[in-house]
Amino acid sequence: MAIVDSFGLMAIDKSAGTLSHPNRKGDAGKALLKLDYDEDLQAYVGDGFEPIYLLNRLDSATSGLVLMTANEAVRDKVLEAFERKQVIKRYAALVFGFAKRGSPIWKDRLNVKRSRGSVRAETGGGLSAETRLLSAKPIQGMPAMSLLELQPITGRTHQLRIQCSKRGMPIVGDRTYGDFRKNKAIATARKIKRLCLHCVETEVVYAIDGRRSRFKAKSPHPF
């Protein structure tokens, strides 16, 4: 699925397990587009057409909307909006457990560690991470689960995954921060074997040559 506005800003629906861009040799077939990727340009490239700029990323295991464009002016304006925290993104997360009463704004500090191609975040020190809990819908049955709607205010690595886990609501299928015993059980009982985190909506307002675009894309969650 692709949604495109009049200036050429696109929202592409990325599936779980697909890379936002190739990370190393041999990744091309696993990435969002079957093209070469230029790290300096942060764009997919190929002979005979303009670079296609990747404006944001999702973890391989996370599905949902990713923004792209072949228009340099649009790229600059949207990246500027990201820097100013003017891009609104909403996620659906299927989690184990129920949300407890408290502030709807989650605030933590996250450290990110990279080693041998792997990435892991942990709370305590580091950069500020904030997320707004928009809604929490309990799901009947066992095990106890909820469907959360989350709006990240900051965009830290693995932010939603580690913040859910810290609050006793690990995301279903999370192999890094999740409940491994429950993941195994639900994979057997309900055939859920993926990380149940999906970017369901992205909204950004920007202007080119005095013309304003209010871009809003939606994608239904698959779980």
N, C-alpha and C. Protein backbone atom coordinates (compact mmCIF):
# COMPACT_ATOMS: atom_id res chain seq x y z
N MET A 1 0.84 -1.19 0.00
CA MET A 1 0.00 0.00 0.00
C MET A 1 0.88 1.25 0.00
N ALA A 2 0.53 2.24 -0.83
CA ALA A 2 1.24 3.51 -0.84
C ALA A 2 0.24 4.65 -0.92
N ILE A 3 0.44 5.68 -0.11
CA ILE A 3 -0.39 6.88 -0.13
C ILE A 3 0.52 8.03 -0.53
N VAL A 4 0.13 8.84 -1.54
CA VAL A 4 0.98 9.89 -2.09
C VAL A 4 0.20 11.20 -2.13
N ASP A 5 0.86 12.31 -1.70
CA ASP A 5 0.19 13.61 -1.80
C ASP A 5 0.64 14.33 -3.08
N SER A 6 0.13 15.54 -3.29
CA SER A 6 0.38 16.25 -4.54
C SER A 6 1.83 16.69 -4.71
N PHE A 7 2.61 16.74 -3.63
CA PHE A 7 4.02 17.11 -3.71
C PHE A 7 4.93 15.89 -3.86
N GLY A 8 4.36 14.70 -3.73
CA GLY A 8 5.16 13.50 -3.86
C GLY A 8 5.63 12.88 -2.57
N LEU A 9 5.06 13.29 -1.43
CA LEU A 9 5.34 12.62 -0.17
C LEU A 9 4.55 11.31 -0.14
N MET A 10 5.25 10.21 0.17
CA MET A 10 4.63 8.89 0.14
C MET A 10 4.67 8.23 1.51
N ALA A 11 3.64 7.50 1.85
CA ALA A 11 3.63 6.62 3.01
C ALA A 11 3.53 5.20 2.50
N ILE A 12 4.52 4.38 2.81
CA ILE A 12 4.57 2.99 2.38
C ILE A 12 4.28 2.10 3.58
N ASP A 13 3.46 1.08 3.39
CA ASP A 13 3.12 0.16 4.48
C ASP A 13 4.14 -0.97 4.51
N LYS A 14 5.05 -0.92 5.49
CA LYS A 14 6.10 -1.92 5.61
C LYS A 14 5.60 -3.13 6.40
N SER A 15 5.92 -4.32 5.92
CA SER A 15 5.50 -5.53 6.62
C SER A 15 6.53 -5.91 7.69
N ALA A 16 6.11 -6.69 8.66
CA ALA A 16 7.02 -7.17 9.70
C ALA A 16 8.08 -8.06 9.07
N GLY A 17 9.32 -7.88 9.49
CA GLY A 17 10.42 -8.68 8.95
C GLY A 17 11.13 -8.03 7.78
N THR A 18 10.56 -6.93 7.26
CA THR A 18 11.17 -6.19 6.15
C THR A 18 12.04 -5.07 6.72
N LEU A 19 13.22 -4.89 6.14
CA LEU A 19 14.12 -3.83 6.57
C LEU A 19 13.71 -2.50 5.96
N SER A 20 13.81 -1.42 6.73
CA SER A 20 13.55 -0.10 6.16
C SER A 20 14.57 0.22 5.08
N HIS A 21 15.80 -0.24 5.27
CA HIS A 21 16.85 -0.11 4.25
C HIS A 21 17.88 -1.21 4.50
N PRO A 22 18.66 -1.58 3.50
CA PRO A 22 19.68 -2.61 3.70
C PRO A 22 20.73 -2.14 4.70
N ASN A 23 21.14 -3.03 5.59
CA ASN A 23 22.17 -2.68 6.58
C ASN A 23 23.56 -3.18 6.16
N ARG A 24 23.59 -4.23 5.37
CA ARG A 24 24.86 -4.83 4.95
C ARG A 24 24.65 -5.58 3.64
N LYS A 25 25.73 -6.06 3.06
CA LYS A 25 25.64 -6.82 1.82
C LYS A 25 24.75 -8.05 2.03
N GLY A 26 23.92 -8.33 1.06
CA GLY A 26 23.02 -9.47 1.16
C GLY A 26 21.65 -9.11 1.69
N ASP A 27 21.46 -7.85 2.13
CA ASP A 27 20.18 -7.41 2.69
C ASP A 27 19.20 -6.89 1.64
N ALA A 28 19.68 -6.68 0.41
CA ALA A 28 18.85 -6.01 -0.60
C ALA A 28 17.50 -6.68 -0.77
N GLY A 29 17.46 -7.98 -0.80
CA GLY A 29 16.21 -8.69 -0.99
C GLY A 29 15.28 -8.65 0.20
N LYS A 30 15.80 -8.17 1.35
CA LYS A 30 14.99 -8.12 2.57
C LYS A 30 14.50 -6.70 2.86
N ALA A 31 14.87 -5.74 2.01
CA ALA A 31 14.58 -4.34 2.28
C ALA A 31 13.27 -3.90 1.64
N LEU A 32 12.85 -2.70 2.00
CA LEU A 32 11.57 -2.14 1.57
C LEU A 32 11.48 -2.03 0.05
N LEU A 33 12.55 -1.57 -0.59
CA LEU A 33 12.61 -1.49 -2.05
C LEU A 33 13.76 -2.35 -2.57
N LYS A 34 13.58 -2.95 -3.70
CA LYS A 34 14.62 -3.82 -4.28
C LYS A 34 15.56 -2.98 -5.14
N LEU A 35 16.24 -2.03 -4.48
CA LEU A 35 17.17 -1.12 -5.12
C LEU A 35 18.40 -0.97 -4.24
N ASP A 36 19.47 -0.40 -4.82
CA ASP A 36 20.64 -0.08 -4.01
C ASP A 36 20.29 1.05 -3.05
N TYR A 37 21.03 1.12 -1.94
CA TYR A 37 20.78 2.16 -0.95
C TYR A 37 22.05 2.95 -0.72
N ASP A 38 21.95 4.28 -0.81
CA ASP A 38 23.08 5.18 -0.61
C ASP A 38 23.02 5.75 0.81
N GLU A 39 23.97 5.34 1.67
CA GLU A 39 23.96 5.77 3.07
C GLU A 39 24.14 7.28 3.20
N ASP A 40 24.99 7.86 2.33
CA ASP A 40 25.23 9.30 2.42
C ASP A 40 23.97 10.10 2.08
N LEU A 41 23.26 9.67 1.03
CA LEU A 41 22.03 10.35 0.64
C LEU A 41 20.84 9.95 1.50
N GLN A 42 20.97 8.81 2.20
CA GLN A 42 19.83 8.24 2.92
C GLN A 42 18.68 8.02 1.93
N ALA A 43 19.03 7.36 0.81
CA ALA A 43 18.06 7.21 -0.27
C ALA A 43 18.31 5.93 -1.05
N TYR A 44 17.24 5.38 -1.58
CA TYR A 44 17.34 4.30 -2.55
C TYR A 44 17.71 4.92 -3.90
N VAL A 45 18.62 4.28 -4.62
CA VAL A 45 19.10 4.83 -5.88
C VAL A 45 19.10 3.76 -6.96
N GLY A 46 19.05 4.23 -8.22
CA GLY A 46 19.10 3.33 -9.37
C GLY A 46 19.24 4.12 -10.64
N ASP A 47 19.65 3.47 -11.68
CA ASP A 47 19.84 4.14 -12.97
C ASP A 47 18.49 4.56 -13.55
N GLY A 48 18.44 5.79 -14.06
CA GLY A 48 17.27 6.22 -14.82
C GLY A 48 16.19 6.92 -14.02
N PHE A 49 16.37 7.10 -12.69
CA PHE A 49 15.36 7.82 -11.92
C PHE A 49 16.00 8.52 -10.73
N GLU A 50 15.26 9.45 -10.18
CA GLU A 50 15.76 10.25 -9.06
C GLU A 50 15.86 9.40 -7.79
N PRO A 51 16.77 9.78 -6.87
CA PRO A 51 16.84 9.07 -5.58
C PRO A 51 15.51 9.12 -4.84
N ILE A 52 15.20 8.04 -4.15
CA ILE A 52 13.99 7.99 -3.33
C ILE A 52 14.44 8.06 -1.87
N TYR A 53 14.18 9.20 -1.25
CA TYR A 53 14.70 9.47 0.09
C TYR A 53 13.85 8.78 1.16
N LEU A 54 14.54 8.13 2.09
CA LEU A 54 13.88 7.49 3.23
C LEU A 54 13.84 8.50 4.37
N LEU A 55 12.64 8.87 4.82
CA LEU A 55 12.49 9.96 5.79
C LEU A 55 12.39 9.50 7.24
N ASN A 56 12.02 8.25 7.44
CA ASN A 56 12.03 7.69 8.79
C ASN A 56 12.17 6.18 8.68
N ARG A 57 12.42 5.53 9.79
CA ARG A 57 12.67 4.10 9.79
C ARG A 57 11.83 3.40 10.85
N LEU A 58 11.58 2.13 10.61
CA LEU A 58 10.99 1.25 11.62
C LEU A 58 11.92 0.06 11.81
N ASP A 59 11.97 -0.48 13.02
CA ASP A 59 12.70 -1.73 13.24
C ASP A 59 12.20 -2.78 12.25
N SER A 60 13.07 -3.71 11.92
CA SER A 60 12.68 -4.78 11.01
C SER A 60 11.41 -5.50 11.50
N ALA A 61 11.33 -5.76 12.81
CA ALA A 61 10.21 -6.52 13.35
C ALA A 61 8.92 -5.72 13.44
N THR A 62 9.02 -4.38 13.39
CA THR A 62 7.85 -3.51 13.49
C THR A 62 7.27 -3.26 12.11
N SER A 63 5.97 -3.29 12.00
CA SER A 63 5.31 -3.04 10.71
C SER A 63 4.64 -1.67 10.73
N GLY A 64 4.18 -1.23 9.55
CA GLY A 64 3.43 0.01 9.49
C GLY A 64 4.02 1.03 8.54
N LEU A 65 3.65 2.28 8.74
CA LEU A 65 3.90 3.35 7.78
C LEU A 65 5.31 3.92 7.86
N VAL A 66 5.94 4.04 6.68
CA VAL A 66 7.25 4.65 6.53
C VAL A 66 7.13 5.74 5.47
N LEU A 67 7.73 6.91 5.71
CA LEU A 67 7.64 8.03 4.77
C LEU A 67 8.82 8.06 3.81
N MET A 68 8.54 8.34 2.53
CA MET A 68 9.56 8.43 1.50
C MET A 68 9.16 9.51 0.50
N THR A 69 10.14 10.02 -0.26
CA THR A 69 9.85 10.97 -1.33
C THR A 69 11.02 11.02 -2.30
N ALA A 70 10.74 11.39 -3.54
CA ALA A 70 11.78 11.63 -4.55
C ALA A 70 12.00 13.13 -4.74
N ASN A 71 11.29 13.95 -3.97
CA ASN A 71 11.36 15.40 -4.09
C ASN A 71 12.28 15.96 -2.99
N GLU A 72 13.39 16.58 -3.39
CA GLU A 72 14.35 17.09 -2.40
C GLU A 72 13.74 18.14 -1.48
N ALA A 73 12.93 19.02 -2.03
CA ALA A 73 12.31 20.06 -1.21
C ALA A 73 11.38 19.46 -0.16
N VAL A 74 10.63 18.44 -0.55
CA VAL A 74 9.75 17.75 0.40
C VAL A 74 10.60 17.06 1.47
N ARG A 75 11.67 16.40 1.03
CA ARG A 75 12.58 15.76 2.00
C ARG A 75 13.02 16.75 3.07
N ASP A 76 13.50 17.91 2.64
CA ASP A 76 14.02 18.89 3.59
C ASP A 76 12.94 19.37 4.55
N LYS A 77 11.75 19.63 4.03
CA LYS A 77 10.67 20.14 4.88
C LYS A 77 10.19 19.10 5.88
N VAL A 78 10.08 17.86 5.45
CA VAL A 78 9.59 16.81 6.35
C VAL A 78 10.65 16.46 7.40
N LEU A 79 11.92 16.40 7.01
CA LEU A 79 12.97 16.16 7.99
C LEU A 79 13.04 17.28 9.01
N GLU A 80 12.79 18.51 8.56
CA GLU A 80 12.73 19.65 9.47
C GLU A 80 11.57 19.48 10.45
N ALA A 81 10.44 18.99 9.96
CA ALA A 81 9.29 18.75 10.84
C ALA A 81 9.60 17.67 11.87
N PHE A 82 10.34 16.63 11.47
CA PHE A 82 10.75 15.60 12.44
C PHE A 82 11.63 16.21 13.52
N GLU A 83 12.58 17.04 13.13
CA GLU A 83 13.49 17.67 14.09
C GLU A 83 12.73 18.54 15.09
N ARG A 84 11.66 19.18 14.63
CA ARG A 84 10.87 20.05 15.49
C ARG A 84 9.76 19.31 16.21
N LYS A 85 9.72 17.99 16.07
CA LYS A 85 8.71 17.15 16.70
C LYS A 85 7.30 17.54 16.25
N GLN A 86 7.18 17.86 14.95
CA GLN A 86 5.90 18.25 14.38
C GLN A 86 5.26 17.13 13.56
N VAL A 87 5.87 15.96 13.57
CA VAL A 87 5.29 14.80 12.90
C VAL A 87 4.60 13.96 13.97
N ILE A 88 3.33 13.68 13.78
CA ILE A 88 2.56 12.89 14.75
C ILE A 88 2.47 11.46 14.24
N LYS A 89 2.91 10.53 15.07
CA LYS A 89 2.84 9.11 14.72
C LYS A 89 2.10 8.37 15.83
N ARG A 90 1.25 7.44 15.41
CA ARG A 90 0.52 6.62 16.38
C ARG A 90 0.75 5.15 16.07
N TYR A 91 0.87 4.38 17.14
CA TYR A 91 1.15 2.95 17.01
C TYR A 91 0.09 2.13 17.74
N ALA A 92 -0.18 0.95 17.23
CA ALA A 92 -0.97 -0.05 17.94
C ALA A 92 0.00 -1.09 18.48
N ALA A 93 -0.18 -1.46 19.75
CA ALA A 93 0.68 -2.46 20.37
C ALA A 93 -0.19 -3.47 21.12
N LEU A 94 -0.07 -4.73 20.76
CA LEU A 94 -0.74 -5.80 21.49
C LEU A 94 0.21 -6.25 22.59
N VAL A 95 -0.23 -6.13 23.84
CA VAL A 95 0.68 -6.39 24.97
C VAL A 95 0.08 -7.42 25.91
N PHE A 96 0.94 -8.06 26.67
CA PHE A 96 0.50 -8.90 27.78
C PHE A 96 0.21 -8.00 28.98
N GLY A 97 -0.90 -8.26 29.68
CA GLY A 97 -1.23 -7.50 30.88
C GLY A 97 -2.15 -6.33 30.60
N PHE A 98 -2.45 -5.57 31.63
CA PHE A 98 -3.37 -4.44 31.56
C PHE A 98 -2.65 -3.17 32.02
N ALA A 99 -3.08 -2.04 31.46
CA ALA A 99 -2.50 -0.75 31.84
C ALA A 99 -2.94 -0.36 33.24
N LYS A 100 -2.00 0.11 34.04
CA LYS A 100 -2.32 0.58 35.39
C LYS A 100 -2.65 2.07 35.34
N ARG A 101 -3.39 2.52 36.31
CA ARG A 101 -3.73 3.94 36.39
C ARG A 101 -2.47 4.76 36.64
N GLY A 102 -2.47 5.94 36.13
CA GLY A 102 -1.31 6.81 36.31
C GLY A 102 -1.27 7.84 35.20
N SER A 103 -0.18 8.55 35.13
CA SER A 103 -0.02 9.58 34.10
C SER A 103 -0.06 8.96 32.72
N PRO A 104 -0.77 9.60 31.78
CA PRO A 104 -0.79 9.08 30.41
C PRO A 104 0.51 9.37 29.65
N ILE A 105 1.41 10.14 30.26
CA ILE A 105 2.70 10.43 29.64
C ILE A 105 3.76 9.55 30.31
N TRP A 106 4.39 8.69 29.53
CA TRP A 106 5.46 7.85 30.05
C TRP A 106 6.78 8.59 29.84
N LYS A 107 7.57 8.70 30.91
CA LYS A 107 8.86 9.38 30.82
C LYS A 107 9.96 8.48 31.37
N ASP A 108 10.98 8.28 30.57
CA ASP A 108 12.13 7.47 30.95
C ASP A 108 13.38 8.09 30.36
N ARG A 109 14.52 7.52 30.76
CA ARG A 109 15.78 7.85 30.10
C ARG A 109 16.37 6.54 29.58
N LEU A 110 16.79 6.55 28.32
CA LEU A 110 17.25 5.32 27.67
C LEU A 110 18.70 5.43 27.22
N ASN A 111 19.43 4.36 27.49
CA ASN A 111 20.77 4.18 26.94
C ASN A 111 20.68 3.16 25.81
N VAL A 112 21.36 3.41 24.72
CA VAL A 112 21.37 2.49 23.59
C VAL A 112 22.78 1.93 23.43
N LYS A 113 22.87 0.61 23.37
CA LYS A 113 24.16 -0.05 23.19
C LYS A 113 24.16 -0.83 21.88
N ARG A 114 25.23 -0.67 21.12
CA ARG A 114 25.38 -1.37 19.84
C ARG A 114 26.61 -2.27 19.92
N SER A 115 26.43 -3.52 19.53
CA SER A 115 27.54 -4.47 19.57
C SER A 115 27.36 -5.54 18.52
N ARG A 116 28.35 -5.67 17.64
CA ARG A 116 28.35 -6.72 16.62
C ARG A 116 27.06 -6.74 15.80
N GLY A 117 26.62 -5.56 15.42
CA GLY A 117 25.44 -5.46 14.56
C GLY A 117 24.12 -5.52 15.28
N SER A 118 24.12 -5.76 16.59
CA SER A 118 22.87 -5.80 17.36
C SER A 118 22.69 -4.51 18.14
N VAL A 119 21.44 -4.18 18.43
CA VAL A 119 21.11 -2.95 19.16
C VAL A 119 20.22 -3.31 20.34
N ARG A 120 20.52 -2.74 21.48
CA ARG A 120 19.68 -2.96 22.66
C ARG A 120 19.64 -1.68 23.49
N ALA A 121 18.45 -1.35 23.98
CA ALA A 121 18.28 -0.17 24.83
C ALA A 121 17.98 -0.62 26.25
N GLU A 122 18.32 0.24 27.20
CA GLU A 122 18.00 -0.03 28.60
C GLU A 122 17.69 1.28 29.30
N THR A 123 16.85 1.21 30.33
CA THR A 123 16.47 2.42 31.05
C THR A 123 17.54 2.79 32.05
N GLY A 124 17.58 4.10 32.38
CA GLY A 124 18.54 4.59 33.36
C GLY A 124 19.62 5.39 32.67
N GLY A 125 19.63 6.73 32.87
CA GLY A 125 20.61 7.57 32.20
C GLY A 125 20.29 7.70 30.73
N GLY A 126 21.17 8.34 29.98
CA GLY A 126 20.97 8.47 28.55
C GLY A 126 19.98 9.56 28.18
N LEU A 127 19.33 9.36 27.04
CA LEU A 127 18.45 10.38 26.47
C LEU A 127 17.02 10.25 27.00
N SER A 128 16.34 11.38 27.06
CA SER A 128 14.94 11.39 27.49
C SER A 128 14.06 10.70 26.45
N ALA A 129 13.14 9.86 26.93
CA ALA A 129 12.18 9.18 26.06
C ALA A 129 10.79 9.40 26.62
N GLU A 130 9.89 9.92 25.78
CA GLU A 130 8.53 10.21 26.23
C GLU A 130 7.50 9.63 25.25
N THR A 131 6.46 9.06 25.81
CA THR A 131 5.38 8.46 25.02
C THR A 131 4.05 8.79 25.66
N ARG A 132 3.05 9.08 24.86
CA ARG A 132 1.69 9.33 25.37
C ARG A 132 0.84 8.08 25.16
N LEU A 133 0.25 7.57 26.23
CA LEU A 133 -0.69 6.46 26.14
C LEU A 133 -2.05 7.04 25.80
N LEU A 134 -2.52 6.79 24.57
CA LEU A 134 -3.78 7.36 24.11
C LEU A 134 -4.98 6.53 24.55
N SER A 135 -4.83 5.22 24.53
CA SER A 135 -5.93 4.35 24.94
C SER A 135 -5.39 2.96 25.27
N ALA A 136 -6.16 2.23 26.07
CA ALA A 136 -5.79 0.87 26.45
C ALA A 136 -7.07 0.05 26.51
N LYS A 137 -7.21 -0.91 25.63
CA LYS A 137 -8.43 -1.72 25.55
C LYS A 137 -8.13 -3.14 26.01
N PRO A 138 -8.66 -3.56 27.17
CA PRO A 138 -8.45 -4.94 27.63
C PRO A 138 -9.07 -5.93 26.66
N ILE A 139 -8.43 -7.07 26.48
CA ILE A 139 -8.92 -8.12 25.59
C ILE A 139 -9.36 -9.30 26.44
N GLN A 140 -10.56 -9.76 26.23
CA GLN A 140 -11.11 -10.86 27.01
C GLN A 140 -10.36 -12.15 26.73
N GLY A 141 -10.26 -12.99 27.76
CA GLY A 141 -9.64 -14.30 27.60
C GLY A 141 -8.30 -14.38 28.28
N MET A 142 -7.67 -15.52 28.10
CA MET A 142 -6.36 -15.77 28.69
C MET A 142 -5.36 -16.03 27.56
N PRO A 143 -4.12 -15.59 27.73
CA PRO A 143 -3.62 -14.80 28.85
C PRO A 143 -4.16 -13.38 28.81
N ALA A 144 -3.99 -12.65 29.90
CA ALA A 144 -4.45 -11.27 29.97
C ALA A 144 -3.66 -10.43 28.96
N MET A 145 -4.40 -9.73 28.09
CA MET A 145 -3.76 -8.90 27.07
C MET A 145 -4.54 -7.60 26.89
N SER A 146 -3.89 -6.61 26.31
CA SER A 146 -4.53 -5.33 26.00
C SER A 146 -4.03 -4.85 24.64
N LEU A 147 -4.88 -4.02 24.01
CA LEU A 147 -4.47 -3.35 22.78
C LEU A 147 -4.26 -1.88 23.13
N LEU A 148 -3.02 -1.42 23.02
CA LEU A 148 -2.67 -0.05 23.36
C LEU A 148 -2.57 0.80 22.10
N GLU A 149 -2.93 2.08 22.22
CA GLU A 149 -2.64 3.06 21.19
C GLU A 149 -1.64 4.04 21.79
N LEU A 150 -0.49 4.17 21.15
CA LEU A 150 0.63 4.92 21.69
C LEU A 150 1.07 6.01 20.72
N GLN A 151 1.43 7.15 21.27
CA GLN A 151 1.97 8.25 20.46
C GLN A 151 3.34 8.63 21.01
N PRO A 152 4.41 8.23 20.32
CA PRO A 152 5.74 8.63 20.79
C PRO A 152 5.95 10.13 20.63
N ILE A 153 6.44 10.76 21.68
CA ILE A 153 6.75 12.19 21.64
C ILE A 153 8.20 12.38 21.21
N THR A 154 9.06 11.47 21.67
CA THR A 154 10.44 11.40 21.18
C THR A 154 10.57 10.15 20.31
N GLY A 155 11.69 10.02 19.64
CA GLY A 155 11.86 8.88 18.73
C GLY A 155 13.13 8.11 19.01
N ARG A 156 13.25 7.55 20.22
CA ARG A 156 14.44 6.81 20.60
C ARG A 156 14.40 5.37 20.11
N THR A 157 15.56 4.78 19.96
CA THR A 157 15.66 3.39 19.53
C THR A 157 14.94 2.46 20.49
N HIS A 158 14.04 1.63 19.96
CA HIS A 158 13.28 0.64 20.73
C HIS A 158 12.45 1.26 21.85
N GLN A 159 12.13 2.53 21.71
CA GLN A 159 11.46 3.27 22.79
C GLN A 159 10.17 2.61 23.25
N LEU A 160 9.24 2.35 22.34
CA LEU A 160 7.95 1.81 22.75
C LEU A 160 8.09 0.41 23.34
N ARG A 161 8.99 -0.36 22.78
CA ARG A 161 9.17 -1.74 23.24
C ARG A 161 9.67 -1.78 24.68
N ILE A 162 10.68 -0.97 24.98
CA ILE A 162 11.24 -1.03 26.33
C ILE A 162 10.34 -0.32 27.34
N GLN A 163 9.64 0.74 26.91
CA GLN A 163 8.74 1.43 27.85
C GLN A 163 7.54 0.55 28.21
N CYS A 164 7.00 -0.19 27.26
CA CYS A 164 5.91 -1.12 27.57
C CYS A 164 6.40 -2.20 28.54
N SER A 165 7.57 -2.75 28.26
CA SER A 165 8.11 -3.81 29.11
C SER A 165 8.35 -3.33 30.53
N LYS A 166 8.89 -2.13 30.66
CA LYS A 166 9.18 -1.58 31.99
C LYS A 166 7.91 -1.43 32.81
N ARG A 167 6.78 -1.19 32.15
CA ARG A 167 5.51 -0.98 32.86
C ARG A 167 4.71 -2.26 33.00
N GLY A 168 5.38 -3.39 32.84
CA GLY A 168 4.73 -4.68 33.05
C GLY A 168 3.80 -5.09 31.94
N MET A 169 3.97 -4.51 30.76
CA MET A 169 3.12 -4.84 29.61
C MET A 169 4.01 -5.12 28.39
N PRO A 170 4.80 -6.19 28.42
CA PRO A 170 5.67 -6.46 27.28
C PRO A 170 4.85 -6.71 26.01
N ILE A 171 5.36 -6.22 24.89
CA ILE A 171 4.65 -6.40 23.63
C ILE A 171 4.70 -7.86 23.21
N VAL A 172 3.58 -8.38 22.78
CA VAL A 172 3.49 -9.77 22.33
C VAL A 172 4.48 -9.99 21.18
N GLY A 173 5.28 -11.04 21.31
CA GLY A 173 6.22 -11.39 20.25
C GLY A 173 7.55 -10.68 20.33
N ASP A 174 7.76 -9.85 21.37
CA ASP A 174 9.04 -9.14 21.49
C ASP A 174 10.10 -10.10 22.03
N ARG A 175 11.09 -10.40 21.18
CA ARG A 175 12.12 -11.37 21.54
C ARG A 175 13.28 -10.75 22.32
N THR A 176 13.29 -9.44 22.44
CA THR A 176 14.38 -8.76 23.15
C THR A 176 13.95 -8.29 24.53
N TYR A 177 12.80 -7.65 24.63
CA TYR A 177 12.35 -7.08 25.90
C TYR A 177 11.09 -7.78 26.43
N GLY A 178 10.66 -8.83 25.77
CA GLY A 178 9.37 -9.43 26.09
C GLY A 178 9.42 -10.56 27.10
N ASP A 179 8.27 -11.22 27.26
CA ASP A 179 8.12 -12.37 28.15
C ASP A 179 8.27 -13.62 27.28
N PHE A 180 9.42 -14.26 27.35
CA PHE A 180 9.73 -15.35 26.42
C PHE A 180 8.79 -16.55 26.62
N ARG A 181 8.42 -16.83 27.86
CA ARG A 181 7.52 -17.96 28.12
C ARG A 181 6.14 -17.70 27.51
N LYS A 182 5.62 -16.51 27.71
CA LYS A 182 4.30 -16.19 27.15
C LYS A 182 4.35 -16.09 25.63
N ASN A 183 5.45 -15.58 25.08
CA ASN A 183 5.60 -15.54 23.62
C ASN A 183 5.52 -16.94 23.03
N LYS A 184 6.20 -17.87 23.67
CA LYS A 184 6.21 -19.25 23.18
C LYS A 184 4.82 -19.87 23.26
N ALA A 185 4.13 -19.59 24.37
CA ALA A 185 2.80 -20.17 24.56
C ALA A 185 1.80 -19.61 23.54
N ILE A 186 1.85 -18.30 23.29
CA ILE A 186 0.87 -17.71 22.37
C ILE A 186 1.20 -18.05 20.92
N ALA A 187 2.47 -18.29 20.65
CA ALA A 187 2.85 -18.73 19.30
C ALA A 187 2.28 -20.12 19.02
N THR A 188 2.25 -20.96 20.05
CA THR A 188 1.70 -22.31 19.90
C THR A 188 0.19 -22.29 19.86
N ALA A 189 -0.44 -21.51 20.76
CA ALA A 189 -1.90 -21.53 20.89
C ALA A 189 -2.59 -20.73 19.80
N ARG A 190 -2.03 -19.57 19.43
CA ARG A 190 -2.73 -18.68 18.51
C ARG A 190 -1.93 -18.37 17.24
N LYS A 191 -0.79 -19.02 17.10
CA LYS A 191 0.06 -18.84 15.90
C LYS A 191 0.53 -17.39 15.73
N ILE A 192 0.65 -16.66 16.84
CA ILE A 192 1.19 -15.30 16.78
C ILE A 192 2.69 -15.38 17.00
N LYS A 193 3.45 -15.14 15.94
CA LYS A 193 4.90 -15.32 16.01
C LYS A 193 5.66 -14.05 15.65
N ARG A 194 4.98 -12.93 15.58
CA ARG A 194 5.61 -11.67 15.20
C ARG A 194 5.57 -10.68 16.35
N LEU A 195 6.37 -9.63 16.25
CA LEU A 195 6.27 -8.51 17.19
C LEU A 195 4.98 -7.76 16.86
N CYS A 196 4.10 -7.63 17.83
CA CYS A 196 2.79 -7.02 17.59
C CYS A 196 2.83 -5.51 17.84
N LEU A 197 3.60 -4.83 17.00
CA LEU A 197 3.74 -3.37 17.05
C LEU A 197 3.63 -2.85 15.63
N HIS A 198 2.69 -1.90 15.41
CA HIS A 198 2.39 -1.45 14.06
C HIS A 198 2.13 0.05 14.06
N CYS A 199 2.80 0.78 13.18
CA CYS A 199 2.55 2.22 13.02
C CYS A 199 1.27 2.39 12.22
N VAL A 200 0.21 2.83 12.88
CA VAL A 200 -1.12 2.88 12.25
C VAL A 200 -1.44 4.24 11.62
N GLU A 201 -0.71 5.29 12.03
CA GLU A 201 -1.05 6.61 11.50
C GLU A 201 0.16 7.54 11.57
N THR A 202 0.35 8.32 10.50
CA THR A 202 1.39 9.35 10.45
C THR A 202 0.78 10.61 9.88
N GLU A 203 1.06 11.74 10.54
CA GLU A 203 0.50 13.02 10.10
C GLU A 203 1.58 14.10 10.15
N VAL A 204 1.67 14.89 9.09
CA VAL A 204 2.63 15.99 9.05
C VAL A 204 2.06 17.12 8.20
N VAL A 205 2.29 18.36 8.65
CA VAL A 205 1.89 19.54 7.89
C VAL A 205 3.16 20.26 7.45
N TYR A 206 3.26 20.57 6.16
CA TYR A 206 4.43 21.28 5.65
C TYR A 206 4.01 22.12 4.45
N ALA A 207 4.90 23.02 4.01
CA ALA A 207 4.57 23.91 2.90
C ALA A 207 5.74 23.97 1.92
N ILE A 208 5.40 24.00 0.63
CA ILE A 208 6.38 24.15 -0.45
C ILE A 208 5.96 25.35 -1.30
N ASP A 209 6.85 26.35 -1.42
CA ASP A 209 6.58 27.54 -2.22
C ASP A 209 5.24 28.19 -1.84
N GLY A 210 4.97 28.23 -0.55
CA GLY A 210 3.76 28.87 -0.07
C GLY A 210 2.51 28.01 -0.14
N ARG A 211 2.63 26.83 -0.72
CA ARG A 211 1.49 25.90 -0.79
C ARG A 211 1.59 24.90 0.36
N ARG A 212 0.49 24.74 1.07
CA ARG A 212 0.47 23.93 2.29
C ARG A 212 -0.11 22.55 2.03
N SER A 213 0.51 21.55 2.61
CA SER A 213 -0.01 20.18 2.53
C SER A 213 -0.19 19.62 3.93
N ARG A 214 -1.35 19.09 4.17
CA ARG A 214 -1.60 18.36 5.44
C ARG A 214 -1.68 16.88 5.08
N PHE A 215 -0.61 16.18 5.31
CA PHE A 215 -0.50 14.78 4.90
C PHE A 215 -0.86 13.88 6.08
N LYS A 216 -1.80 12.99 5.84
CA LYS A 216 -2.22 12.05 6.89
C LYS A 216 -2.46 10.69 6.26
N ALA A 217 -1.73 9.70 6.75
CA ALA A 217 -1.86 8.33 6.24
C ALA A 217 -2.26 7.41 7.37
N LYS A 218 -3.10 6.44 7.06
CA LYS A 218 -3.54 5.46 8.05
C LYS A 218 -3.35 4.05 7.51
N SER A 219 -3.10 3.12 8.45
CA SER A 219 -2.92 1.72 8.12
C SER A 219 -3.53 0.87 9.24
N PRO A 220 -4.46 -0.01 8.93
CA PRO A 220 -5.05 -0.86 9.98
C PRO A 220 -4.03 -1.83 10.53
N HIS A 221 -4.08 -2.07 11.84
CA HIS A 221 -3.11 -3.01 12.42
C HIS A 221 -3.52 -4.45 12.05
N PRO A 222 -2.54 -5.36 11.91
CA PRO A 222 -2.82 -6.71 11.43
C PRO A 222 -3.00 -7.75 12.55
N PHE A 223 -3.16 -7.32 13.79
CA PHE A 223 -3.29 -8.31 14.87
C PHE A 223 -4.47 -7.96 15.79
